[in-house]
Amino acid sequence: MLASLGQDPGDGAGVTNPQGLRGIAVAPLMVWCQVIDYRKRVYVQRVTWLG
C-alpha cells in the first residue's frame, strides 16, 4: 500500500516518537506504523482515511 504511494516505511518519513511509531501522511491517507528492523517487519498501528 505505502509503496504504491511512493512511501518507504523504513525511511523515517514523517514524525517519529520514542515508541518508534512513524507517521506517514499522503493526503487523504495517514498511516502510523512501527518498523522492527531486526525482525524485518512493519507493524501497522493505525490507518486514517480522511476522504
N, C-alpha and C. Protein backbone atom coordinates (compact mmCIF):
# COMPACT_ATOMS: atom_id res chain seq x y z
N MET A 1 0.83 -1.18 0.00
CA MET A 1 0.00 0.00 0.00
C MET A 1 0.88 1.25 0.00
N LEU A 2 1.83 1.36 0.95
CA LEU A 2 2.67 2.54 1.00
C LEU A 2 3.59 2.65 -0.21
N ALA A 3 4.05 1.52 -0.70
CA ALA A 3 4.94 1.54 -1.86
C ALA A 3 4.21 2.10 -3.08
N SER A 4 2.93 1.81 -3.22
CA SER A 4 2.18 2.33 -4.36
C SER A 4 2.01 3.85 -4.27
N LEU A 5 2.16 4.41 -3.05
CA LEU A 5 2.08 5.85 -2.85
C LEU A 5 3.46 6.50 -2.87
N GLY A 6 4.49 5.70 -3.13
CA GLY A 6 5.84 6.24 -3.19
C GLY A 6 6.47 6.43 -1.83
N GLN A 7 5.97 5.74 -0.79
CA GLN A 7 6.49 5.87 0.56
C GLN A 7 7.20 4.60 0.99
N ASP A 8 8.33 4.75 1.65
CA ASP A 8 9.07 3.62 2.21
C ASP A 8 8.97 3.70 3.73
N PRO A 9 8.33 2.73 4.40
CA PRO A 9 8.17 2.82 5.85
C PRO A 9 9.49 2.78 6.59
N GLY A 10 10.55 2.38 5.95
CA GLY A 10 11.85 2.32 6.61
C GLY A 10 12.66 3.59 6.49
N ASP A 11 12.16 4.59 5.80
CA ASP A 11 12.98 5.79 5.58
C ASP A 11 12.80 6.86 6.64
N GLY A 12 11.96 6.62 7.65
CA GLY A 12 11.76 7.59 8.71
C GLY A 12 10.93 8.78 8.30
N ALA A 13 10.14 8.63 7.27
CA ALA A 13 9.31 9.74 6.79
C ALA A 13 8.33 10.17 7.86
N GLY A 14 8.06 11.43 7.88
CA GLY A 14 7.07 11.96 8.81
C GLY A 14 7.58 12.11 10.22
N VAL A 15 6.74 11.83 11.18
CA VAL A 15 7.01 12.07 12.59
C VAL A 15 7.45 10.77 13.25
N THR A 16 8.46 10.88 14.12
CA THR A 16 8.91 9.72 14.90
C THR A 16 8.81 10.08 16.37
N ASN A 17 8.33 9.15 17.19
CA ASN A 17 8.25 9.39 18.63
C ASN A 17 9.06 8.32 19.37
N PRO A 18 9.19 8.43 20.69
CA PRO A 18 10.04 7.49 21.44
C PRO A 18 9.63 6.02 21.33
N GLN A 19 8.37 5.73 21.06
CA GLN A 19 7.93 4.34 20.91
C GLN A 19 8.28 3.77 19.54
N GLY A 20 8.86 4.57 18.69
CA GLY A 20 9.25 4.10 17.37
C GLY A 20 8.13 4.15 16.34
N LEU A 21 7.01 4.80 16.68
CA LEU A 21 5.93 4.92 15.71
C LEU A 21 6.30 5.98 14.69
N ARG A 22 5.98 5.69 13.45
CA ARG A 22 6.24 6.63 12.36
C ARG A 22 4.92 6.99 11.72
N GLY A 23 4.75 8.26 11.47
CA GLY A 23 3.55 8.73 10.80
C GLY A 23 3.87 9.09 9.37
N ILE A 24 3.14 8.50 8.46
CA ILE A 24 3.32 8.79 7.04
C ILE A 24 1.99 9.32 6.52
N ALA A 25 2.01 10.54 6.02
CA ALA A 25 0.78 11.17 5.55
C ALA A 25 0.89 11.49 4.07
N VAL A 26 -0.04 10.94 3.31
CA VAL A 26 -0.19 11.25 1.89
C VAL A 26 -1.69 11.49 1.72
N ALA A 27 -2.06 12.76 1.59
CA ALA A 27 -3.47 13.13 1.59
C ALA A 27 -4.26 12.24 0.65
N PRO A 28 -5.36 11.70 1.08
CA PRO A 28 -6.06 11.81 2.35
C PRO A 28 -5.77 10.64 3.30
N LEU A 29 -4.63 9.99 3.16
CA LEU A 29 -4.30 8.80 3.96
C LEU A 29 -3.22 9.12 4.97
N MET A 30 -3.39 8.63 6.21
CA MET A 30 -2.36 8.73 7.22
C MET A 30 -2.17 7.37 7.85
N VAL A 31 -0.93 6.91 7.90
CA VAL A 31 -0.61 5.58 8.44
C VAL A 31 0.41 5.75 9.55
N TRP A 32 0.12 5.13 10.70
CA TRP A 32 1.08 5.07 11.81
C TRP A 32 1.59 3.63 11.85
N CYS A 33 2.90 3.49 11.79
CA CYS A 33 3.47 2.15 11.79
C CYS A 33 4.73 2.11 12.64
N GLN A 34 5.15 0.91 12.96
CA GLN A 34 6.36 0.68 13.74
C GLN A 34 7.23 -0.28 12.94
N VAL A 35 8.47 0.11 12.69
CA VAL A 35 9.40 -0.71 11.92
C VAL A 35 10.34 -1.41 12.88
N ILE A 36 10.36 -2.74 12.82
CA ILE A 36 11.27 -3.54 13.64
C ILE A 36 12.30 -4.15 12.69
N ASP A 37 13.45 -3.50 12.60
CA ASP A 37 14.47 -3.91 11.63
C ASP A 37 14.98 -5.32 11.84
N TYR A 38 15.28 -5.68 13.08
CA TYR A 38 15.87 -6.99 13.30
C TYR A 38 14.91 -8.14 13.03
N ARG A 39 13.62 -7.87 13.06
CA ARG A 39 12.63 -8.89 12.70
C ARG A 39 12.18 -8.79 11.25
N LYS A 40 12.63 -7.73 10.57
CA LYS A 40 12.24 -7.46 9.18
C LYS A 40 10.72 -7.37 9.06
N ARG A 41 10.14 -6.59 9.96
CA ARG A 41 8.68 -6.44 9.99
C ARG A 41 8.29 -4.98 10.07
N VAL A 42 7.12 -4.67 9.53
CA VAL A 42 6.48 -3.38 9.69
C VAL A 42 5.10 -3.67 10.28
N TYR A 43 4.84 -3.13 11.47
CA TYR A 43 3.56 -3.32 12.12
C TYR A 43 2.73 -2.06 11.95
N VAL A 44 1.59 -2.19 11.31
CA VAL A 44 0.68 -1.05 11.11
C VAL A 44 -0.16 -0.92 12.38
N GLN A 45 -0.06 0.26 12.99
CA GLN A 45 -0.79 0.51 14.24
C GLN A 45 -2.15 1.18 14.00
N ARG A 46 -2.16 2.10 13.04
CA ARG A 46 -3.40 2.84 12.81
C ARG A 46 -3.41 3.36 11.38
N VAL A 47 -4.59 3.33 10.77
CA VAL A 47 -4.79 3.88 9.42
C VAL A 47 -5.97 4.83 9.49
N THR A 48 -5.76 6.06 9.02
CA THR A 48 -6.83 7.06 8.99
C THR A 48 -7.04 7.51 7.56
N TRP A 49 -8.27 7.44 7.10
CA TRP A 49 -8.63 7.88 5.75
C TRP A 49 -9.53 9.11 5.91
N LEU A 50 -9.11 10.22 5.36
CA LEU A 50 -9.86 11.47 5.51
C LEU A 50 -10.63 11.84 4.25
N GLY A 51 -11.06 10.82 3.51
CA GLY A 51 -11.74 11.09 2.25
C GLY A 51 -13.20 10.86 2.28
